[in-house]
Amino acid sequence: MENGGGTGVANQTQVDTVYIVEDDDSTREALGELIRPTGARVEAFRSAEDFLKSYEPRNPSCLLLDQRLPGISGCELLRQLRSEGVPVPAVFVTAYATTPMTVDAMRMGAVNVLDKPCCENELRDAIGLALSEHRKQLRRSANRREAATRLDQLTPSERDVLTRVLDGVPNKQIARELNVCIRTVEARRSRIYKTMGVQSVAELTRACVAAGFVDA
């Protein structure tokens, strides 16, 4: 593995990483030299198998892939990552971009498929788009985890109220259905809002969708 250092942009808490998977030594080195001035960290591998041994999907990242690799191909790598729930965005730079291959790559998470040799600006733009997409994915995942954790803190009686609130049932009707007084419903509703960290039904609904408690 070949590593290259770099610093992230200002106010960014995590360093963007571009993983280059390319079996040609000179191409791999040239791509790394092109990317490092952007501030992204570069990690380079000669094969998909070497990449899989080292990849940890924690920070914003993207793959810069060739299609034809020794062993697992570029599209097969994306398919494997997707099957494992790791849909990291990718940019292909390949001399073998057939239409079926391009369609397959886009379905598996590629944001662009570029022909070798490609324009430097086009490559940097594609990498920037892929990194932006992965940052959005990571934020959504973090929001889902936080919402699910908060949801787990609700008691069964609070969940009974929550379900009805999401269905648009008024407090008086909730009280009748649960055979409790309206003040009890109001107290439970207040605790639900506090626990979920929201201040409105709209925010509550978004949090519950994020947690998978209700469908989008």
N, C-alpha and C. Protein backbone atom coordinates (compact mmCIF):
# COMPACT_ATOMS: atom_id res chain seq x y z
N MET A 1 0.85 -1.20 0.00
CA MET A 1 0.00 0.00 0.00
C MET A 1 0.87 1.24 0.00
N GLU A 2 0.49 2.29 -0.70
CA GLU A 2 1.21 3.54 -0.77
C GLU A 2 0.34 4.63 -0.17
N ASN A 3 0.82 5.33 0.80
CA ASN A 3 0.04 6.36 1.47
C ASN A 3 0.58 7.73 1.15
N GLY A 4 -0.33 8.69 1.04
CA GLY A 4 0.06 10.07 0.83
C GLY A 4 -0.67 10.95 1.81
N GLY A 5 0.04 11.92 2.38
CA GLY A 5 -0.60 12.77 3.38
C GLY A 5 -1.22 13.98 2.77
N GLY A 6 -1.97 14.72 3.60
CA GLY A 6 -2.59 15.96 3.16
C GLY A 6 -3.42 16.49 4.28
N THR A 7 -3.84 17.72 4.15
CA THR A 7 -4.68 18.32 5.17
C THR A 7 -6.03 18.61 4.60
N GLY A 8 -7.08 18.49 5.42
CA GLY A 8 -8.45 18.75 4.96
C GLY A 8 -8.70 20.24 4.84
N VAL A 9 -9.81 20.60 4.24
CA VAL A 9 -10.16 22.00 4.12
C VAL A 9 -10.52 22.55 5.48
N ALA A 10 -10.56 23.86 5.60
CA ALA A 10 -10.83 24.52 6.88
C ALA A 10 -12.17 24.10 7.43
N ASN A 11 -12.23 23.96 8.75
CA ASN A 11 -13.44 23.65 9.49
C ASN A 11 -13.97 22.24 9.21
N GLN A 12 -13.15 21.41 8.58
CA GLN A 12 -13.58 20.05 8.31
C GLN A 12 -13.02 19.15 9.38
N THR A 13 -13.84 18.46 10.11
CA THR A 13 -13.39 17.67 11.25
C THR A 13 -12.79 16.35 10.81
N GLN A 14 -13.09 15.89 9.61
CA GLN A 14 -12.57 14.64 9.12
C GLN A 14 -11.86 14.88 7.80
N VAL A 15 -10.75 14.19 7.61
CA VAL A 15 -9.97 14.35 6.39
C VAL A 15 -10.57 13.49 5.28
N ASP A 16 -10.82 14.08 4.13
CA ASP A 16 -11.28 13.32 2.99
C ASP A 16 -10.18 12.38 2.53
N THR A 17 -10.56 11.19 2.10
CA THR A 17 -9.59 10.21 1.62
C THR A 17 -10.00 9.70 0.25
N VAL A 18 -9.07 9.68 -0.66
CA VAL A 18 -9.29 9.09 -1.98
C VAL A 18 -8.49 7.79 -2.04
N TYR A 19 -9.19 6.69 -2.26
CA TYR A 19 -8.54 5.39 -2.38
C TYR A 19 -8.36 5.08 -3.87
N ILE A 20 -7.12 5.01 -4.30
CA ILE A 20 -6.81 4.68 -5.69
C ILE A 20 -6.58 3.18 -5.80
N VAL A 21 -7.32 2.54 -6.69
CA VAL A 21 -7.11 1.11 -6.95
C VAL A 21 -6.77 0.97 -8.43
N GLU A 22 -5.49 0.80 -8.69
CA GLU A 22 -4.96 0.82 -10.08
C GLU A 22 -3.71 -0.05 -10.11
N ASP A 23 -3.66 -1.01 -11.03
CA ASP A 23 -2.54 -1.95 -11.04
C ASP A 23 -1.31 -1.42 -11.78
N ASP A 24 -1.47 -0.37 -12.59
CA ASP A 24 -0.32 0.20 -13.28
C ASP A 24 0.40 1.19 -12.37
N ASP A 25 1.67 0.92 -12.09
CA ASP A 25 2.43 1.72 -11.13
C ASP A 25 2.50 3.19 -11.51
N SER A 26 2.83 3.49 -12.76
CA SER A 26 3.00 4.88 -13.17
C SER A 26 1.68 5.63 -13.14
N THR A 27 0.58 4.97 -13.54
CA THR A 27 -0.73 5.61 -13.50
C THR A 27 -1.16 5.87 -12.07
N ARG A 28 -0.91 4.91 -11.21
CA ARG A 28 -1.29 5.05 -9.80
C ARG A 28 -0.54 6.22 -9.16
N GLU A 29 0.75 6.33 -9.46
CA GLU A 29 1.54 7.42 -8.89
C GLU A 29 1.11 8.78 -9.46
N ALA A 30 0.81 8.81 -10.75
CA ALA A 30 0.39 10.06 -11.37
C ALA A 30 -0.94 10.54 -10.81
N LEU A 31 -1.87 9.62 -10.59
CA LEU A 31 -3.16 9.99 -10.01
C LEU A 31 -2.99 10.53 -8.60
N GLY A 32 -2.12 9.90 -7.83
CA GLY A 32 -1.86 10.38 -6.47
C GLY A 32 -1.30 11.79 -6.45
N GLU A 33 -0.35 12.06 -7.34
CA GLU A 33 0.24 13.39 -7.43
C GLU A 33 -0.79 14.44 -7.85
N LEU A 34 -1.74 14.03 -8.65
CA LEU A 34 -2.79 14.95 -9.10
C LEU A 34 -3.77 15.28 -7.98
N ILE A 35 -4.04 14.33 -7.12
CA ILE A 35 -5.07 14.49 -6.09
C ILE A 35 -4.54 15.19 -4.83
N ARG A 36 -3.31 14.94 -4.46
CA ARG A 36 -2.80 15.45 -3.19
C ARG A 36 -2.91 16.97 -3.04
N PRO A 37 -2.70 17.76 -4.08
CA PRO A 37 -2.83 19.22 -3.91
C PRO A 37 -4.24 19.67 -3.53
N THR A 38 -5.25 18.82 -3.71
CA THR A 38 -6.61 19.20 -3.32
C THR A 38 -6.80 19.16 -1.81
N GLY A 39 -5.83 18.59 -1.09
CA GLY A 39 -5.96 18.48 0.36
C GLY A 39 -6.46 17.15 0.84
N ALA A 40 -6.85 16.28 -0.08
CA ALA A 40 -7.34 14.96 0.31
C ALA A 40 -6.17 14.03 0.61
N ARG A 41 -6.40 13.12 1.52
CA ARG A 41 -5.43 12.07 1.80
C ARG A 41 -5.54 11.03 0.69
N VAL A 42 -4.42 10.46 0.31
CA VAL A 42 -4.41 9.46 -0.76
C VAL A 42 -3.88 8.14 -0.22
N GLU A 43 -4.62 7.07 -0.49
CA GLU A 43 -4.13 5.73 -0.21
C GLU A 43 -4.26 4.93 -1.50
N ALA A 44 -3.18 4.29 -1.91
CA ALA A 44 -3.16 3.63 -3.21
C ALA A 44 -2.91 2.14 -3.08
N PHE A 45 -3.58 1.37 -3.95
CA PHE A 45 -3.51 -0.08 -3.90
C PHE A 45 -3.38 -0.63 -5.32
N ARG A 46 -2.71 -1.76 -5.41
CA ARG A 46 -2.53 -2.41 -6.72
C ARG A 46 -3.69 -3.31 -7.09
N SER A 47 -4.52 -3.67 -6.14
CA SER A 47 -5.64 -4.58 -6.43
C SER A 47 -6.79 -4.31 -5.49
N ALA A 48 -7.97 -4.78 -5.89
CA ALA A 48 -9.15 -4.64 -5.04
C ALA A 48 -8.98 -5.44 -3.76
N GLU A 49 -8.33 -6.59 -3.86
CA GLU A 49 -8.11 -7.42 -2.66
C GLU A 49 -7.26 -6.69 -1.63
N ASP A 50 -6.21 -6.00 -2.08
CA ASP A 50 -5.37 -5.23 -1.15
C ASP A 50 -6.18 -4.11 -0.50
N PHE A 51 -7.01 -3.46 -1.29
CA PHE A 51 -7.86 -2.39 -0.76
C PHE A 51 -8.80 -2.92 0.32
N LEU A 52 -9.45 -4.04 0.09
CA LEU A 52 -10.41 -4.59 1.03
C LEU A 52 -9.78 -4.95 2.36
N LYS A 53 -8.51 -5.27 2.36
CA LYS A 53 -7.82 -5.62 3.60
C LYS A 53 -7.63 -4.41 4.51
N SER A 54 -7.64 -3.22 3.94
CA SER A 54 -7.30 -2.02 4.69
C SER A 54 -8.44 -1.03 4.88
N TYR A 55 -9.49 -1.13 4.07
CA TYR A 55 -10.52 -0.10 4.07
C TYR A 55 -11.35 -0.10 5.34
N GLU A 56 -11.52 1.09 5.92
CA GLU A 56 -12.39 1.29 7.07
C GLU A 56 -13.30 2.48 6.75
N PRO A 57 -14.60 2.22 6.51
CA PRO A 57 -15.51 3.28 6.01
C PRO A 57 -15.99 4.23 7.10
N ARG A 58 -15.04 4.97 7.69
CA ARG A 58 -15.43 5.88 8.77
C ARG A 58 -15.38 7.34 8.36
N ASN A 59 -14.43 7.72 7.54
CA ASN A 59 -14.28 9.11 7.13
C ASN A 59 -14.80 9.31 5.71
N PRO A 60 -15.10 10.57 5.35
CA PRO A 60 -15.51 10.84 3.97
C PRO A 60 -14.46 10.34 2.99
N SER A 61 -14.89 9.56 2.02
CA SER A 61 -13.93 8.96 1.11
C SER A 61 -14.60 8.64 -0.22
N CYS A 62 -13.76 8.33 -1.20
CA CYS A 62 -14.26 7.82 -2.47
C CYS A 62 -13.21 6.92 -3.06
N LEU A 63 -13.65 6.11 -4.01
CA LEU A 63 -12.75 5.20 -4.72
C LEU A 63 -12.42 5.79 -6.09
N LEU A 64 -11.17 5.68 -6.49
CA LEU A 64 -10.75 6.01 -7.84
C LEU A 64 -10.27 4.70 -8.45
N LEU A 65 -11.07 4.15 -9.38
CA LEU A 65 -10.90 2.77 -9.81
C LEU A 65 -10.60 2.61 -11.28
N ASP A 66 -9.79 1.59 -11.57
CA ASP A 66 -9.74 1.05 -12.92
C ASP A 66 -10.73 -0.10 -12.97
N GLN A 67 -11.24 -0.42 -14.14
CA GLN A 67 -12.15 -1.55 -14.27
C GLN A 67 -11.40 -2.87 -14.31
N ARG A 68 -10.38 -2.95 -15.15
CA ARG A 68 -9.62 -4.17 -15.29
C ARG A 68 -8.49 -4.20 -14.28
N LEU A 69 -8.64 -5.06 -13.29
CA LEU A 69 -7.67 -5.21 -12.22
C LEU A 69 -7.32 -6.68 -12.08
N PRO A 70 -6.15 -6.99 -11.52
CA PRO A 70 -5.85 -8.40 -11.25
C PRO A 70 -6.79 -8.91 -10.17
N GLY A 71 -7.49 -10.00 -10.44
CA GLY A 71 -8.45 -10.52 -9.47
C GLY A 71 -9.79 -9.84 -9.64
N ILE A 72 -10.32 -9.29 -8.55
CA ILE A 72 -11.63 -8.65 -8.57
C ILE A 72 -11.59 -7.40 -9.44
N SER A 73 -12.57 -7.25 -10.32
CA SER A 73 -12.64 -6.06 -11.18
C SER A 73 -13.22 -4.88 -10.40
N GLY A 74 -13.15 -3.70 -11.03
CA GLY A 74 -13.69 -2.51 -10.37
C GLY A 74 -15.16 -2.63 -10.05
N CYS A 75 -15.97 -3.07 -11.01
CA CYS A 75 -17.42 -3.22 -10.78
C CYS A 75 -17.72 -4.29 -9.75
N GLU A 76 -16.95 -5.37 -9.78
CA GLU A 76 -17.15 -6.43 -8.78
C GLU A 76 -16.83 -5.93 -7.38
N LEU A 77 -15.83 -5.07 -7.27
CA LEU A 77 -15.49 -4.48 -5.97
C LEU A 77 -16.64 -3.65 -5.44
N LEU A 78 -17.21 -2.80 -6.30
CA LEU A 78 -18.34 -1.97 -5.86
C LEU A 78 -19.52 -2.85 -5.48
N ARG A 79 -19.77 -3.90 -6.24
CA ARG A 79 -20.90 -4.79 -5.95
C ARG A 79 -20.70 -5.45 -4.57
N GLN A 80 -19.49 -5.88 -4.28
CA GLN A 80 -19.20 -6.50 -2.99
C GLN A 80 -19.39 -5.51 -1.84
N LEU A 81 -18.89 -4.28 -2.01
CA LEU A 81 -19.05 -3.27 -0.97
C LEU A 81 -20.53 -2.96 -0.74
N ARG A 82 -21.28 -2.86 -1.83
CA ARG A 82 -22.70 -2.56 -1.70
C ARG A 82 -23.44 -3.69 -0.98
N SER A 83 -23.08 -4.94 -1.28
CA SER A 83 -23.72 -6.07 -0.63
C SER A 83 -23.43 -6.10 0.87
N GLU A 84 -22.31 -5.49 1.26
CA GLU A 84 -21.93 -5.43 2.67
C GLU A 84 -22.44 -4.15 3.34
N GLY A 85 -23.26 -3.38 2.62
CA GLY A 85 -23.82 -2.16 3.18
C GLY A 85 -22.85 -1.00 3.23
N VAL A 86 -21.87 -1.00 2.34
CA VAL A 86 -20.87 0.08 2.28
C VAL A 86 -20.90 0.70 0.88
N PRO A 87 -21.88 1.56 0.61
CA PRO A 87 -22.03 2.12 -0.74
C PRO A 87 -21.12 3.33 -0.97
N VAL A 88 -19.81 3.14 -0.84
CA VAL A 88 -18.89 4.26 -1.03
C VAL A 88 -18.90 4.70 -2.49
N PRO A 89 -19.03 6.00 -2.77
CA PRO A 89 -19.04 6.48 -4.15
C PRO A 89 -17.69 6.22 -4.84
N ALA A 90 -17.74 6.10 -6.15
CA ALA A 90 -16.52 5.79 -6.89
C ALA A 90 -16.46 6.57 -8.19
N VAL A 91 -15.24 6.77 -8.65
CA VAL A 91 -14.98 7.34 -9.97
C VAL A 91 -14.11 6.34 -10.72
N PHE A 92 -14.53 5.95 -11.91
CA PHE A 92 -13.75 5.04 -12.74
C PHE A 92 -12.90 5.84 -13.71
N VAL A 93 -11.65 5.45 -13.84
CA VAL A 93 -10.78 5.96 -14.89
C VAL A 93 -10.25 4.73 -15.61
N THR A 94 -10.77 4.47 -16.79
CA THR A 94 -10.48 3.21 -17.46
C THR A 94 -10.42 3.37 -18.98
N ALA A 95 -9.68 2.48 -19.59
CA ALA A 95 -9.61 2.44 -21.05
C ALA A 95 -10.63 1.45 -21.62
N TYR A 96 -11.45 0.89 -20.76
CA TYR A 96 -12.38 -0.17 -21.18
C TYR A 96 -13.81 0.16 -20.77
N ALA A 97 -14.23 1.37 -21.05
CA ALA A 97 -15.56 1.83 -20.61
C ALA A 97 -16.62 1.51 -21.67
N THR A 98 -17.05 0.27 -21.71
CA THR A 98 -18.15 -0.10 -22.59
C THR A 98 -19.47 0.39 -21.99
N THR A 99 -20.51 0.44 -22.80
CA THR A 99 -21.81 0.89 -22.30
C THR A 99 -22.33 -0.02 -21.18
N PRO A 100 -22.31 -1.35 -21.34
CA PRO A 100 -22.78 -2.22 -20.23
C PRO A 100 -21.96 -2.03 -18.96
N MET A 101 -20.64 -1.87 -19.12
CA MET A 101 -19.80 -1.66 -17.94
C MET A 101 -20.13 -0.35 -17.25
N THR A 102 -20.35 0.72 -18.03
CA THR A 102 -20.69 2.02 -17.46
C THR A 102 -22.01 1.97 -16.71
N VAL A 103 -23.01 1.33 -17.31
CA VAL A 103 -24.32 1.20 -16.65
C VAL A 103 -24.17 0.42 -15.35
N ASP A 104 -23.42 -0.67 -15.38
CA ASP A 104 -23.21 -1.49 -14.18
C ASP A 104 -22.51 -0.68 -13.10
N ALA A 105 -21.49 0.08 -13.50
CA ALA A 105 -20.74 0.88 -12.53
C ALA A 105 -21.63 1.93 -11.87
N MET A 106 -22.46 2.60 -12.66
CA MET A 106 -23.34 3.63 -12.09
C MET A 106 -24.36 3.01 -11.14
N ARG A 107 -24.85 1.83 -11.47
CA ARG A 107 -25.79 1.16 -10.58
C ARG A 107 -25.13 0.77 -9.25
N MET A 108 -23.84 0.48 -9.30
CA MET A 108 -23.14 0.04 -8.11
C MET A 108 -22.59 1.19 -7.26
N GLY A 109 -22.75 2.43 -7.71
CA GLY A 109 -22.33 3.55 -6.88
C GLY A 109 -21.28 4.46 -7.50
N ALA A 110 -20.98 4.28 -8.78
CA ALA A 110 -20.05 5.20 -9.42
C ALA A 110 -20.74 6.52 -9.73
N VAL A 111 -20.05 7.63 -9.54
CA VAL A 111 -20.61 8.93 -9.88
C VAL A 111 -20.20 9.36 -11.28
N ASN A 112 -19.14 8.73 -11.81
CA ASN A 112 -18.72 9.04 -13.17
C ASN A 112 -17.78 7.95 -13.67
N VAL A 113 -17.74 7.78 -14.99
CA VAL A 113 -16.82 6.85 -15.63
C VAL A 113 -16.07 7.64 -16.69
N LEU A 114 -14.77 7.79 -16.48
CA LEU A 114 -13.94 8.62 -17.36
C LEU A 114 -13.00 7.74 -18.17
N ASP A 115 -12.73 8.18 -19.40
CA ASP A 115 -11.81 7.45 -20.28
C ASP A 115 -10.37 7.85 -19.99
N LYS A 116 -9.47 6.88 -20.07
CA LYS A 116 -8.03 7.18 -20.00
C LYS A 116 -7.54 7.61 -21.38
N PRO A 117 -6.70 8.65 -21.45
CA PRO A 117 -6.38 9.60 -20.37
C PRO A 117 -7.52 10.61 -20.22
N CYS A 118 -7.75 11.09 -19.02
CA CYS A 118 -8.87 12.01 -18.79
C CYS A 118 -8.35 13.41 -18.46
N CYS A 119 -9.24 14.38 -18.59
CA CYS A 119 -8.92 15.77 -18.26
C CYS A 119 -8.75 15.91 -16.75
N GLU A 120 -7.71 16.63 -16.33
CA GLU A 120 -7.45 16.78 -14.90
C GLU A 120 -8.61 17.46 -14.18
N ASN A 121 -9.14 18.52 -14.76
CA ASN A 121 -10.25 19.23 -14.11
C ASN A 121 -11.49 18.34 -14.01
N GLU A 122 -11.73 17.56 -15.06
CA GLU A 122 -12.88 16.66 -15.05
C GLU A 122 -12.73 15.62 -13.95
N LEU A 123 -11.52 15.11 -13.79
CA LEU A 123 -11.27 14.12 -12.74
C LEU A 123 -11.44 14.72 -11.36
N ARG A 124 -10.90 15.91 -11.14
CA ARG A 124 -11.02 16.55 -9.84
C ARG A 124 -12.48 16.88 -9.51
N ASP A 125 -13.22 17.33 -10.51
CA ASP A 125 -14.64 17.62 -10.29
C ASP A 125 -15.39 16.34 -9.91
N ALA A 126 -15.08 15.24 -10.58
CA ALA A 126 -15.76 13.97 -10.29
C ALA A 126 -15.43 13.49 -8.88
N ILE A 127 -14.17 13.63 -8.48
CA ILE A 127 -13.77 13.23 -7.13
C ILE A 127 -14.45 14.12 -6.10
N GLY A 128 -14.51 15.44 -6.38
CA GLY A 128 -15.19 16.34 -5.45
C GLY A 128 -16.65 15.97 -5.27
N LEU A 129 -17.32 15.61 -6.35
CA LEU A 129 -18.72 15.20 -6.28
C LEU A 129 -18.87 13.92 -5.48
N ALA A 130 -17.97 12.96 -5.69
CA ALA A 130 -18.03 11.69 -4.95
C ALA A 130 -17.81 11.90 -3.46
N LEU A 131 -16.85 12.74 -3.11
CA LEU A 131 -16.59 13.01 -1.69
C LEU A 131 -17.77 13.72 -1.05
N SER A 132 -18.37 14.67 -1.77
CA SER A 132 -19.55 15.36 -1.26
C SER A 132 -20.69 14.39 -1.01
N GLU A 133 -20.89 13.46 -1.92
CA GLU A 133 -21.95 12.46 -1.77
C GLU A 133 -21.69 11.59 -0.55
N HIS A 134 -20.43 11.20 -0.33
CA HIS A 134 -20.15 10.34 0.82
C HIS A 134 -20.33 11.10 2.13
N ARG A 135 -19.98 12.39 2.16
CA ARG A 135 -20.22 13.18 3.37
C ARG A 135 -21.72 13.21 3.69
N LYS A 136 -22.55 13.34 2.66
CA LYS A 136 -24.01 13.32 2.87
C LYS A 136 -24.45 11.97 3.41
N GLN A 137 -23.90 10.90 2.86
CA GLN A 137 -24.24 9.56 3.33
C GLN A 137 -23.88 9.39 4.81
N LEU A 138 -22.69 9.87 5.18
CA LEU A 138 -22.25 9.73 6.56
C LEU A 138 -23.12 10.55 7.51
N ARG A 139 -23.54 11.74 7.07
CA ARG A 139 -24.43 12.55 7.91
C ARG A 139 -25.78 11.85 8.09
N ARG A 140 -26.31 11.29 7.01
CA ARG A 140 -27.58 10.57 7.12
C ARG A 140 -27.45 9.37 8.05
N SER A 141 -26.35 8.65 7.96
CA SER A 141 -26.13 7.49 8.83
C SER A 141 -26.03 7.92 10.29
N ALA A 142 -25.32 9.04 10.53
CA ALA A 142 -25.19 9.54 11.90
C ALA A 142 -26.55 9.97 12.45
N ASN A 143 -27.36 10.62 11.59
CA ASN A 143 -28.69 11.04 12.02
C ASN A 143 -29.57 9.83 12.34
N ARG A 144 -29.45 8.78 11.52
CA ARG A 144 -30.23 7.56 11.78
C ARG A 144 -29.84 6.92 13.10
N ARG A 145 -28.55 6.84 13.36
CA ARG A 145 -28.09 6.24 14.62
C ARG A 145 -28.56 7.04 15.82
N GLU A 146 -28.43 8.37 15.73
CA GLU A 146 -28.85 9.21 16.85
C GLU A 146 -30.36 9.09 17.08
N ALA A 147 -31.14 9.14 16.01
CA ALA A 147 -32.60 9.04 16.14
C ALA A 147 -33.01 7.70 16.71
N ALA A 148 -32.34 6.62 16.26
CA ALA A 148 -32.67 5.29 16.77
C ALA A 148 -32.31 5.16 18.24
N THR A 149 -31.19 5.75 18.65
CA THR A 149 -30.79 5.71 20.05
C THR A 149 -31.80 6.45 20.92
N ARG A 150 -32.24 7.61 20.46
CA ARG A 150 -33.24 8.38 21.22
C ARG A 150 -34.56 7.62 21.29
N LEU A 151 -34.95 7.01 20.18
CA LEU A 151 -36.20 6.26 20.14
C LEU A 151 -36.20 5.11 21.13
N ASP A 152 -35.06 4.46 21.27
CA ASP A 152 -34.94 3.33 22.19
C ASP A 152 -35.13 3.75 23.65
N GLN A 153 -34.98 5.05 23.93
CA GLN A 153 -35.12 5.53 25.30
C GLN A 153 -36.57 5.77 25.71
N LEU A 154 -37.49 5.70 24.73
CA LEU A 154 -38.91 5.91 25.04
C LEU A 154 -39.50 4.67 25.72
N THR A 155 -40.38 4.88 26.67
CA THR A 155 -41.06 3.78 27.34
C THR A 155 -42.17 3.25 26.44
N PRO A 156 -42.68 2.03 26.71
CA PRO A 156 -43.81 1.51 25.91
C PRO A 156 -45.02 2.44 25.91
N SER A 157 -45.32 3.07 27.05
CA SER A 157 -46.48 3.96 27.10
C SER A 157 -46.23 5.22 26.27
N GLU A 158 -44.99 5.68 26.24
CA GLU A 158 -44.67 6.85 25.41
C GLU A 158 -44.73 6.49 23.93
N ARG A 159 -44.35 5.27 23.60
CA ARG A 159 -44.45 4.83 22.20
C ARG A 159 -45.92 4.73 21.77
N ASP A 160 -46.79 4.34 22.70
CA ASP A 160 -48.22 4.30 22.37
C ASP A 160 -48.72 5.69 21.98
N VAL A 161 -48.29 6.69 22.73
CA VAL A 161 -48.67 8.06 22.42
C VAL A 161 -48.00 8.51 21.13
N LEU A 162 -46.71 8.17 20.97
CA LEU A 162 -45.96 8.58 19.78
C LEU A 162 -46.65 8.09 18.51
N THR A 163 -47.05 6.83 18.49
CA THR A 163 -47.69 6.28 17.31
C THR A 163 -48.93 7.07 16.92
N ARG A 164 -49.71 7.45 17.92
CA ARG A 164 -50.95 8.18 17.65
C ARG A 164 -50.67 9.63 17.26
N VAL A 165 -49.66 10.23 17.85
CA VAL A 165 -49.28 11.59 17.46
C VAL A 165 -48.87 11.62 15.99
N LEU A 166 -48.10 10.63 15.57
CA LEU A 166 -47.67 10.57 14.18
C LEU A 166 -48.84 10.33 13.23
N ASP A 167 -49.88 9.71 13.74
CA ASP A 167 -51.09 9.49 12.94
C ASP A 167 -52.02 10.70 12.94
N GLY A 168 -51.64 11.75 13.67
CA GLY A 168 -52.43 12.97 13.71
C GLY A 168 -53.62 12.91 14.66
N VAL A 169 -53.58 11.99 15.63
CA VAL A 169 -54.68 11.85 16.58
C VAL A 169 -54.58 12.95 17.64
N PRO A 170 -55.65 13.70 17.90
CA PRO A 170 -55.62 14.74 18.93
C PRO A 170 -55.42 14.16 20.33
N ASN A 171 -54.92 14.99 21.25
CA ASN A 171 -54.64 14.53 22.60
C ASN A 171 -55.87 13.94 23.30
N LYS A 172 -57.03 14.59 23.13
CA LYS A 172 -58.24 14.10 23.79
C LYS A 172 -58.60 12.70 23.32
N GLN A 173 -58.46 12.46 22.03
CA GLN A 173 -58.77 11.13 21.51
C GLN A 173 -57.74 10.11 21.96
N ILE A 174 -56.47 10.53 22.03
CA ILE A 174 -55.43 9.62 22.53
C ILE A 174 -55.75 9.21 23.96
N ALA A 175 -56.18 10.18 24.76
CA ALA A 175 -56.53 9.90 26.15
C ALA A 175 -57.65 8.87 26.24
N ARG A 176 -58.66 9.02 25.39
CA ARG A 176 -59.78 8.07 25.40
C ARG A 176 -59.31 6.68 24.97
N GLU A 177 -58.51 6.63 23.92
CA GLU A 177 -58.07 5.34 23.41
C GLU A 177 -57.18 4.59 24.41
N LEU A 178 -56.38 5.35 25.16
CA LEU A 178 -55.47 4.72 26.12
C LEU A 178 -56.05 4.65 27.53
N ASN A 179 -57.25 5.22 27.67
CA ASN A 179 -57.93 5.20 28.97
C ASN A 179 -57.10 5.87 30.06
N VAL A 180 -56.56 7.05 29.72
CA VAL A 180 -55.82 7.86 30.67
C VAL A 180 -56.34 9.29 30.59
N CYS A 181 -55.96 10.11 31.54
CA CYS A 181 -56.41 11.50 31.50
C CYS A 181 -55.56 12.28 30.50
N ILE A 182 -56.10 13.41 30.05
CA ILE A 182 -55.42 14.18 29.02
C ILE A 182 -54.08 14.74 29.52
N ARG A 183 -54.01 15.04 30.84
CA ARG A 183 -52.73 15.53 31.37
C ARG A 183 -51.64 14.47 31.26
N THR A 184 -52.01 13.22 31.39
CA THR A 184 -51.04 12.14 31.23
C THR A 184 -50.53 12.09 29.80
N VAL A 185 -51.45 12.26 28.85
CA VAL A 185 -51.05 12.29 27.44
C VAL A 185 -50.12 13.47 27.18
N GLU A 186 -50.47 14.63 27.72
CA GLU A 186 -49.64 15.82 27.51
C GLU A 186 -48.25 15.64 28.11
N ALA A 187 -48.19 15.00 29.30
CA ALA A 187 -46.90 14.77 29.95
C ALA A 187 -46.04 13.80 29.14
N ARG A 188 -46.69 12.74 28.65
CA ARG A 188 -45.95 11.78 27.83
C ARG A 188 -45.47 12.43 26.53
N ARG A 189 -46.34 13.23 25.95
CA ARG A 189 -45.97 13.91 24.70
C ARG A 189 -44.79 14.84 24.93
N SER A 190 -44.80 15.54 26.04
CA SER A 190 -43.70 16.45 26.37
C SER A 190 -42.40 15.68 26.53
N ARG A 191 -42.46 14.51 27.20
CA ARG A 191 -41.26 13.69 27.37
C ARG A 191 -40.78 13.14 26.03
N ILE A 192 -41.70 12.80 25.16
CA ILE A 192 -41.32 12.32 23.82
C ILE A 192 -40.53 13.39 23.08
N TYR A 193 -41.05 14.61 23.08
CA TYR A 193 -40.37 15.72 22.40
C TYR A 193 -38.97 15.94 22.98
N LYS A 194 -38.89 15.90 24.31
CA LYS A 194 -37.60 16.14 24.96
C LYS A 194 -36.61 15.03 24.64
N THR A 195 -37.06 13.79 24.73
CA THR A 195 -36.18 12.66 24.46
C THR A 195 -35.71 12.63 23.02
N MET A 196 -36.62 12.93 22.09
CA MET A 196 -36.27 12.90 20.68
C MET A 196 -35.54 14.17 20.22
N GLY A 197 -35.48 15.18 21.09
CA GLY A 197 -34.76 16.41 20.77
C GLY A 197 -35.45 17.23 19.70
N VAL A 198 -36.78 17.27 19.74
CA VAL A 198 -37.55 18.00 18.72
C VAL A 198 -38.49 18.99 19.39
N GLN A 199 -39.06 19.89 18.57
CA GLN A 199 -39.96 20.90 19.09
C GLN A 199 -41.28 20.98 18.33
N SER A 200 -41.45 20.12 17.34
CA SER A 200 -42.68 20.16 16.55
C SER A 200 -42.99 18.77 16.02
N VAL A 201 -44.23 18.60 15.56
CA VAL A 201 -44.62 17.32 14.97
C VAL A 201 -43.81 17.05 13.71
N ALA A 202 -43.54 18.09 12.95
CA ALA A 202 -42.75 17.92 11.72
C ALA A 202 -41.35 17.39 12.04
N GLU A 203 -40.71 17.98 13.05
CA GLU A 203 -39.39 17.51 13.44
C GLU A 203 -39.46 16.09 14.01
N LEU A 204 -40.50 15.82 14.76
CA LEU A 204 -40.69 14.48 15.32
C LEU A 204 -40.85 13.45 14.22
N THR A 205 -41.61 13.79 13.21
CA THR A 205 -41.84 12.88 12.08
C THR A 205 -40.53 12.60 11.35
N ARG A 206 -39.75 13.66 11.12
CA ARG A 206 -38.47 13.47 10.43
C ARG A 206 -37.54 12.56 11.24
N ALA A 207 -37.52 12.75 12.55
CA ALA A 207 -36.67 11.92 13.41
C ALA A 207 -37.11 10.47 13.37
N CYS A 208 -38.43 10.25 13.37
CA CYS A 208 -38.94 8.87 13.36
C CYS A 208 -38.70 8.21 12.02
N VAL A 209 -38.77 8.98 10.94
CA VAL A 209 -38.43 8.44 9.62
C VAL A 209 -36.96 8.06 9.58
N ALA A 210 -36.11 8.93 10.10
CA ALA A 210 -34.67 8.66 10.13
C ALA A 210 -34.37 7.39 10.93
N ALA A 211 -35.10 7.18 12.01
CA ALA A 211 -34.87 6.02 12.88
C ALA A 211 -35.49 4.75 12.32
N GLY A 212 -36.27 4.89 11.26
CA GLY A 212 -36.93 3.72 10.68
C GLY A 212 -38.18 3.31 11.40
N PHE A 213 -38.70 4.20 12.28
CA PHE A 213 -39.91 3.89 13.04
C PHE A 213 -41.16 4.00 12.17
N VAL A 214 -41.11 4.89 11.21
CA VAL A 214 -42.19 5.03 10.23
C VAL A 214 -41.57 5.13 8.85
N ASP A 215 -42.34 4.82 7.82
CA ASP A 215 -41.86 4.90 6.45
C ASP A 215 -41.84 6.35 5.99
N ALA A 216 -40.91 6.62 5.09
CA ALA A 216 -40.82 7.98 4.54
C ALA A 216 -42.01 8.27 3.64
